[in-house]
Protein backbone atom coordinates (compact mmCIF):
# COMPACT_ATOMS: atom_id res chain seq x y z
CA UNK A 1 90.05 56.68 219.31
CA UNK A 2 93.60 56.32 217.98
CA UNK A 3 94.57 54.57 214.72
CA UNK A 4 96.76 51.50 215.05
CA UNK A 5 98.73 49.64 212.39
CA UNK A 6 99.95 46.07 212.82
CA UNK A 7 102.21 44.48 210.25
CA UNK A 8 105.27 42.28 209.88
CA UNK A 9 108.80 43.51 209.70
CA UNK A 10 109.26 42.16 206.21
CA UNK A 11 106.18 44.11 204.99
CA UNK A 12 107.50 47.24 206.72
CA UNK A 13 110.84 46.86 204.99
CA UNK A 14 109.27 46.07 201.63
CA UNK A 15 107.17 49.26 201.72
CA UNK A 16 110.25 51.31 202.66
CA UNK A 17 109.64 51.89 206.35
CA UNK A 18 109.40 55.43 207.81
CA UNK A 19 111.04 58.43 206.20
CA UNK A 20 113.59 59.60 208.77
CA UNK A 21 113.49 63.13 207.26
CA UNK A 22 109.91 63.57 208.48
CA UNK A 23 109.15 64.95 211.91
CA UNK A 24 107.15 63.22 214.63
CA UNK A 25 103.51 62.43 213.71
CA UNK A 26 104.05 63.11 209.98
CA UNK A 27 105.49 59.75 209.16
CA UNK A 28 102.14 57.96 209.42
CA UNK A 29 100.73 59.84 206.53
CA UNK A 30 103.78 59.14 204.36
CA UNK A 31 103.66 55.49 205.34
CA UNK A 32 99.94 55.28 204.46
CA UNK A 33 100.63 56.71 201.03
CA UNK A 34 103.40 54.16 200.45
CA UNK A 35 101.05 51.37 201.53
CA UNK A 36 98.38 52.67 199.24
CA UNK A 37 100.68 52.35 196.24
CA UNK A 38 101.36 48.60 196.86
CA UNK A 39 99.31 45.48 196.46
CA UNK A 40 98.89 45.21 200.25
CA UNK A 41 95.47 45.68 201.66
CA UNK A 42 94.35 47.34 204.87
CA UNK A 43 91.39 46.23 206.96
CA UNK A 44 89.43 48.15 209.54
CA UNK A 45 88.63 46.12 212.63
CA UNK A 46 86.40 48.31 214.85
CA UNK A 47 86.38 45.72 217.64
CA UNK A 48 90.19 45.69 217.96
CA UNK A 49 91.64 47.50 221.03
CA UNK A 50 95.17 48.26 222.13
CA UNK A 51 96.69 49.78 225.19
CA UNK A 52 99.40 52.47 224.82
CA UNK A 53 101.40 52.46 228.04
CA UNK A 54 104.07 55.03 227.39
CA UNK A 55 104.55 58.05 225.15
CA UNK A 56 108.33 57.97 224.92
CA UNK A 57 108.65 59.97 221.67
CA UNK A 58 106.38 62.89 222.57
CA UNK A 59 107.31 62.94 226.27
CA UNK A 60 110.86 64.13 225.29
CA UNK A 61 109.41 67.05 223.36
CA UNK A 62 106.31 67.99 225.22
CA UNK A 63 106.08 68.30 229.02
CA UNK A 64 102.74 67.10 230.25
């Protein structure tokens, strides 16, 4: 199972977005810490499902 985060662009901007100095796959941890320090709340919805069709970021680095 993969984690998935869904939020509005204004919330993303208010939190500060992703740190461009962090490498691929590290930005999620930084973003989670930023979110934790705000008044925003996260909810776990085990029934939610999403389909990831393309791995554009990792495909350029890793050859599968």
